[in-house]
Amino acid sequence: MTSIASREGRARFGAYETWYRVSGDLGTDKMPIVILHGGPGVAHNYVDSYKLLAKQGRAVIHYDQLGCGNSTLLPNKGADFWTPQLFIDELENLVDHLGIRPAFHVLGQSWGGMLGAEYAVTRPKGLRSLTIANSPASMKLWVEEANRLRAGLPADVQERLTRHEQTGTTDSPEYQQATMAFYERHVCRVVPFPPEVEESFAQVARNPTVYNTMNGPNEFFVIGTLKSWSIIDRLPAVDVPTLIISGRHDEATPATVQPYKDGIKGAQWEIFESSSHMPHVEEKEKCMQVVGAFLDRNDR
């Protein structure tokens, strides 16, 4: 495989720093794309494969959102600090730091897609397209669907999950093992998980502040500050071409994604039949083709 040239840097963000990596050349005719990772607080590792878009002659920008990965860690900050607006401000700061304000694309995966939608409804200068990958439009829908998917797990797995949630022992190894049964069905069906996916899980374990505060202990037990989040009523404000991605076995089920298709004028929706929550891992080549073609159509 041909190597992709990259460089890393750090952008000052108030008293903090945002780590970033640029794969490819920012000086090409194609507009750069900024990748927003999920979690919140999962870091860039598991979406690393999106750097392959640089092989199509486009700069690809990964970064770690504040509080995780290589960016400033703030384990003592409380719930009032970790808000969607904080991460919108961080993204705006990074766009200006990199000098790409005239024209750029955004792709957000999972929480990153929620953040991308929050960003797009503000109609930021320079945004040319939005890709929402594997993201719910409301956490109410997400939790309803997660409970439906969870009910399909083996009875003994469900029992262990419920018991530990009721006793407040979600940090127990037994609970974590039971959680993996859900993840292997609905988060990443490439088992064992690839190294970059494993590293993101390990990163959350090392730096759980943002994930635990905004989401909760896992993907289906959502007790954090985002538990009542919704963007459904604001979606008509998105005024850029939008691609929606989801997997047939995704924890972001069609019911959680449909509002994006309904609310964003002209949105295109691609379902990856052999994927769950990570088509960029599970159907990597096809995912890069679909996203790359969409970006090419919207370079202007």
Protein backbone atom coordinates (compact mmCIF):
# COMPACT_ATOMS: atom_id res chain seq x y z
CA MET A 1 0.00 0.00 0.00
CA THR A 2 1.30 3.45 -0.92
CA SER A 3 2.08 5.43 2.20
CA ILE A 4 0.19 8.63 2.91
CA ALA A 5 2.28 11.61 3.95
CA SER A 6 1.06 13.21 7.15
CA ARG A 7 2.01 15.82 9.70
CA GLU A 8 0.87 16.40 13.26
CA GLY A 9 0.42 19.59 15.21
CA ARG A 10 -1.31 21.24 18.13
CA ALA A 11 -3.76 24.15 17.95
CA ARG A 12 -4.07 26.50 20.92
CA PHE A 13 -7.68 26.60 22.13
CA GLY A 14 -7.90 29.09 24.97
CA ALA A 15 -5.87 27.61 27.81
CA TYR A 16 -5.89 24.19 26.14
CA GLU A 17 -4.53 22.42 23.05
CA THR A 18 -6.16 20.37 20.32
CA TRP A 19 -3.98 17.70 18.73
CA TYR A 20 -4.49 17.19 14.98
CA ARG A 21 -3.04 15.27 12.06
CA VAL A 22 -3.22 16.26 8.39
CA SER A 23 -2.94 13.39 5.90
CA GLY A 24 -2.21 14.49 2.36
CA ASP A 25 -1.66 18.00 1.02
CA LEU A 26 -3.76 21.00 2.02
CA GLY A 27 -2.61 22.71 -1.18
CA THR A 28 -4.51 20.53 -3.67
CA ASP A 29 -7.54 21.62 -5.69
CA LYS A 30 -9.80 19.34 -3.68
CA MET A 31 -11.26 20.76 -0.48
CA PRO A 32 -9.99 19.25 2.79
CA ILE A 33 -12.24 17.15 5.00
CA VAL A 34 -12.31 17.33 8.79
CA ILE A 35 -13.15 14.06 10.60
CA LEU A 36 -15.11 14.32 13.86
CA HIS A 37 -14.74 11.23 16.03
CA GLY A 38 -17.39 9.76 18.28
CA GLY A 39 -17.87 9.02 21.92
CA PRO A 40 -17.95 11.71 23.09
CA GLY A 41 -14.35 11.21 24.15
CA VAL A 42 -13.37 8.17 22.09
CA ALA A 43 -10.49 9.87 20.18
CA HIS A 44 -9.54 9.56 16.52
CA ASN A 45 -7.98 6.08 16.40
CA TYR A 46 -10.98 4.00 15.31
CA VAL A 47 -11.82 6.37 12.43
CA ASP A 48 -8.22 6.33 11.23
CA SER A 49 -9.14 4.61 7.94
CA TYR A 50 -10.77 7.80 6.66
CA LYS A 51 -7.21 8.95 5.96
CA LEU A 52 -7.50 6.74 2.85
CA LEU A 53 -9.52 9.56 1.28
CA ALA A 54 -6.15 11.32 0.95
CA LYS A 55 -5.29 8.78 -1.77
CA GLN A 56 -7.92 10.56 -3.85
CA GLY A 57 -5.92 13.80 -3.67
CA ARG A 58 -7.70 15.38 -0.71
CA ALA A 59 -6.27 16.46 2.65
CA VAL A 60 -7.87 14.60 5.56
CA ILE A 61 -7.78 16.16 9.01
CA HIS A 62 -8.16 14.01 12.11
CA TYR A 63 -8.11 15.52 15.57
CA ASP A 64 -8.75 14.51 19.15
CA GLN A 65 -11.51 16.52 20.75
CA LEU A 66 -10.68 18.19 24.03
CA GLY A 67 -10.55 15.80 26.99
CA CYS A 68 -9.33 12.71 25.16
CA GLY A 69 -6.50 11.19 23.15
CA ASN A 70 -3.55 13.49 22.50
CA SER A 71 -5.39 16.72 23.29
CA THR A 72 -5.53 18.41 26.70
CA LEU A 73 -7.06 16.06 29.28
CA LEU A 74 -9.30 17.67 31.89
CA PRO A 75 -10.40 14.91 34.27
CA ASN A 76 -11.58 17.34 36.94
CA LYS A 77 -14.00 19.31 34.79
CA GLY A 78 -17.68 18.85 35.61
CA ALA A 79 -20.78 18.32 33.51
CA ASP A 80 -21.33 22.04 32.96
CA PHE A 81 -18.03 22.25 31.05
CA TRP A 82 -18.66 19.42 28.57
CA THR A 83 -21.27 20.81 26.17
CA PRO A 84 -21.87 20.59 22.42
CA GLN A 85 -21.06 24.30 22.19
CA LEU A 86 -17.57 23.67 23.61
CA PHE A 87 -16.85 21.23 20.79
CA ILE A 88 -18.35 23.53 18.14
CA ASP A 89 -16.02 26.27 19.36
CA GLU A 90 -13.07 23.87 19.28
CA LEU A 91 -13.86 22.87 15.69
CA GLU A 92 -14.17 26.50 14.60
CA ASN A 93 -10.83 27.23 16.24
CA LEU A 94 -9.17 24.34 14.41
CA VAL A 95 -10.58 25.39 11.03
CA ASP A 96 -9.09 28.85 11.46
CA HIS A 97 -5.79 27.50 12.82
CA LEU A 98 -5.35 25.33 9.73
CA GLY A 99 -6.28 28.15 7.36
CA ILE A 100 -9.05 26.20 5.65
CA ARG A 101 -11.89 28.64 6.37
CA PRO A 102 -12.55 29.41 2.67
CA ALA A 103 -13.84 25.89 1.90
CA PHE A 104 -13.90 22.53 3.70
CA HIS A 105 -16.01 19.42 4.24
CA VAL A 106 -16.97 17.81 7.56
CA LEU A 107 -17.57 14.12 8.30
CA GLY A 108 -18.75 13.13 11.75
CA GLN A 109 -19.07 9.56 13.00
CA SER A 110 -21.53 8.59 15.79
CA TRP A 111 -21.30 11.43 18.35
CA GLY A 112 -19.18 13.16 15.72
CA GLY A 113 -22.18 13.16 13.37
CA MET A 114 -24.34 14.66 16.10
CA LEU A 115 -21.66 17.33 16.56
CA GLY A 116 -21.42 17.80 12.80
CA ALA A 117 -25.16 18.42 12.61
CA GLU A 118 -24.98 20.85 15.55
CA TYR A 119 -22.23 22.64 13.66
CA ALA A 120 -24.01 22.69 10.32
CA VAL A 121 -27.21 24.23 11.69
CA THR A 122 -25.13 27.29 12.61
CA ARG A 123 -24.30 27.65 8.89
CA PRO A 124 -20.57 28.22 9.40
CA LYS A 125 -18.64 30.09 6.76
CA GLY A 126 -16.74 27.77 4.43
CA LEU A 127 -18.65 24.54 5.11
CA ARG A 128 -19.28 22.88 1.74
CA SER A 129 -20.79 19.53 2.74
CA LEU A 130 -21.69 17.38 5.72
CA THR A 131 -21.42 13.61 6.10
CA ILE A 132 -23.32 12.15 9.05
CA ALA A 133 -22.03 8.63 9.69
CA ASN A 134 -23.82 6.22 12.05
CA SER A 135 -25.45 8.92 14.16
CA PRO A 136 -28.83 9.29 15.87
CA ALA A 137 -30.86 12.47 15.51
CA SER A 138 -32.12 12.18 19.08
CA MET A 139 -30.97 10.30 22.15
CA LYS A 140 -34.55 9.36 23.02
CA LEU A 141 -34.72 7.41 19.76
CA TRP A 142 -31.22 6.02 20.40
CA VAL A 143 -32.13 4.65 23.82
CA GLU A 144 -35.43 3.19 22.58
CA GLU A 145 -33.66 1.38 19.77
CA ALA A 146 -30.73 0.31 21.96
CA ASN A 147 -33.20 -1.33 24.34
CA ARG A 148 -34.86 -3.10 21.41
CA LEU A 149 -31.50 -4.40 20.16
CA ARG A 150 -30.47 -5.35 23.68
CA ALA A 151 -33.62 -7.46 24.02
CA GLY A 152 -32.25 -9.60 21.19
CA LEU A 153 -29.17 -10.60 23.20
CA PRO A 154 -29.05 -13.99 24.96
CA ALA A 155 -31.06 -14.02 28.19
CA ASP A 156 -28.03 -14.63 30.41
CA VAL A 157 -26.24 -11.62 28.90
CA GLN A 158 -29.28 -9.41 29.49
CA GLU A 159 -29.49 -10.62 33.08
CA ARG A 160 -25.87 -9.70 33.79
CA LEU A 161 -26.28 -6.27 32.23
CA THR A 162 -29.43 -5.48 34.20
CA ARG A 163 -28.07 -6.79 37.50
CA HIS A 164 -24.94 -4.66 37.38
CA GLU A 165 -26.82 -1.56 36.23
CA GLN A 166 -29.23 -1.90 39.15
CA THR A 167 -26.43 -2.36 41.68
CA GLY A 168 -24.23 0.39 40.24
CA THR A 169 -21.40 -2.01 39.41
CA THR A 170 -21.02 -1.22 35.73
CA ASP A 171 -17.23 -1.16 36.18
CA SER A 172 -17.21 -4.90 36.93
CA PRO A 173 -15.37 -7.22 34.49
CA GLU A 174 -18.51 -9.35 34.18
CA TYR A 175 -20.51 -6.32 33.05
CA GLN A 176 -17.81 -5.28 30.59
CA GLN A 177 -17.77 -8.80 29.12
CA ALA A 178 -21.55 -8.75 28.71
CA THR A 179 -21.30 -5.34 27.03
CA MET A 180 -18.99 -6.81 24.40
CA ALA A 181 -21.75 -9.17 23.27
CA PHE A 182 -23.72 -6.09 22.20
CA TYR A 183 -20.69 -4.37 20.68
CA GLU A 184 -19.77 -7.38 18.52
CA ARG A 185 -23.26 -7.37 17.02
CA HIS A 186 -24.00 -3.68 16.68
CA VAL A 187 -20.75 -1.66 16.97
CA CYS A 188 -18.08 -3.56 15.01
CA ARG A 189 -18.66 -6.95 13.45
CA VAL A 190 -14.97 -7.43 12.59
CA VAL A 191 -13.97 -9.69 15.49
CA PRO A 192 -11.46 -9.56 17.00
CA PHE A 193 -11.57 -5.80 16.73
CA PRO A 194 -8.81 -4.26 14.58
CA PRO A 195 -5.95 -2.57 16.50
CA GLU A 196 -7.21 0.96 15.86
CA VAL A 197 -10.63 0.08 17.29
CA GLU A 198 -9.07 -1.61 20.30
CA GLU A 199 -6.95 1.47 20.91
CA SER A 200 -10.01 3.71 21.01
CA PHE A 201 -11.63 1.46 23.61
CA ALA A 202 -8.40 1.47 25.61
CA GLN A 203 -8.20 5.26 25.35
CA VAL A 204 -11.69 5.63 26.82
CA ALA A 205 -10.71 3.35 29.69
CA ARG A 206 -7.70 5.58 30.39
CA ASN A 207 -9.60 8.86 29.96
CA PRO A 208 -13.30 8.22 30.72
CA THR A 209 -14.28 11.71 31.83
CA VAL A 210 -16.00 13.00 28.68
CA TYR A 211 -17.66 9.72 27.71
CA ASN A 212 -18.98 8.97 31.19
CA THR A 213 -20.15 12.54 31.75
CA MET A 214 -21.95 13.10 28.45
CA ASN A 215 -23.01 9.54 27.58
CA GLY A 216 -22.70 7.04 30.42
CA PRO A 217 -20.92 3.71 30.98
CA ASN A 218 -21.64 2.28 27.51
CA GLU A 219 -23.52 2.66 24.25
CA PHE A 220 -26.90 1.48 25.52
CA PHE A 221 -26.97 2.68 29.16
CA VAL A 222 -27.18 6.42 28.52
CA ILE A 223 -27.38 8.37 31.77
CA GLY A 224 -25.15 11.34 30.90
CA THR A 225 -25.87 14.93 29.95
CA LEU A 226 -26.77 14.03 26.35
CA LYS A 227 -29.63 11.73 27.41
CA SER A 228 -32.29 14.24 26.30
CA TRP A 229 -30.38 15.66 23.31
CA SER A 230 -32.19 16.12 20.00
CA ILE A 231 -31.56 18.07 16.83
CA ILE A 232 -34.65 16.98 14.93
CA ASP A 233 -36.48 20.31 15.03
CA ARG A 234 -33.37 22.24 13.89
CA LEU A 235 -32.38 20.09 10.91
CA PRO A 236 -34.11 22.24 8.25
CA ALA A 237 -31.42 24.86 8.98
CA VAL A 238 -28.75 22.63 7.37
CA ASP A 239 -28.14 24.20 3.97
CA VAL A 240 -25.22 22.18 2.57
CA PRO A 241 -25.24 18.89 0.63
CA THR A 242 -25.50 16.06 3.14
CA LEU A 243 -24.61 12.38 2.98
CA ILE A 244 -25.99 10.02 5.62
CA ILE A 245 -24.27 6.69 6.28
CA SER A 246 -25.44 3.78 8.42
CA GLY A 247 -25.00 0.01 8.64
CA ARG A 248 -27.70 -2.62 8.33
CA HIS A 249 -26.77 -3.99 11.78
CA ASP A 250 -25.96 -0.55 13.24
CA GLU A 251 -26.83 0.50 16.78
CA ALA A 252 -27.79 3.69 14.95
CA THR A 253 -30.85 1.94 13.52
CA PRO A 254 -32.96 3.34 10.65
CA ALA A 255 -35.43 4.75 13.19
CA THR A 256 -32.67 6.87 14.77
CA VAL A 257 -31.34 8.06 11.40
CA GLN A 258 -34.60 8.71 9.50
CA PRO A 259 -35.07 12.24 10.92
CA TYR A 260 -31.86 13.33 9.18
CA LYS A 261 -33.22 12.17 5.84
CA ASP A 262 -36.58 13.79 6.51
CA GLY A 263 -35.25 17.05 7.93
CA ILE A 264 -32.32 17.92 5.66
CA LYS A 265 -33.38 18.94 2.18
CA GLY A 266 -31.85 16.74 -0.52
CA ALA A 267 -29.97 14.47 1.89
CA GLN A 268 -28.62 11.21 0.44
CA TRP A 269 -28.69 8.05 2.60
CA GLU A 270 -26.44 5.04 2.02
CA ILE A 271 -26.95 1.85 4.08
CA PHE A 272 -24.03 -0.59 4.17
CA GLU A 273 -25.53 -4.07 4.18
CA SER A 274 -22.61 -5.91 5.81
CA SER A 275 -21.83 -3.32 8.48
CA SER A 276 -22.91 -2.29 11.92
CA HIS A 277 -21.64 0.97 13.46
CA MET A 278 -18.33 1.16 11.57
CA PRO A 279 -18.66 0.80 7.79
CA HIS A 280 -15.28 2.54 7.52
CA VAL A 281 -13.84 -0.62 9.17
CA GLU A 282 -16.35 -3.29 8.15
CA GLU A 283 -16.72 -2.31 4.47
CA LYS A 284 -13.71 -0.04 4.19
CA GLU A 285 -13.21 0.04 0.42
CA LYS A 286 -16.87 0.65 -0.40
CA CYS A 287 -17.15 3.29 2.32
CA MET A 288 -14.19 5.24 0.92
CA GLN A 289 -15.67 5.02 -2.58
CA VAL A 290 -19.08 6.30 -1.47
CA VAL A 291 -17.72 9.14 0.65
CA GLY A 292 -15.06 10.07 -1.89
CA ALA A 293 -17.57 10.28 -4.72
CA PHE A 294 -19.89 12.44 -2.62
CA LEU A 295 -17.05 14.82 -1.75
CA ASP A 296 -15.95 15.03 -5.38
CA ARG A 297 -19.48 16.02 -6.41
CA ASN A 298 -19.49 18.82 -3.86
CA ASP A 299 -16.07 20.40 -4.36
CA ARG A 300 -17.00 23.86 -5.52
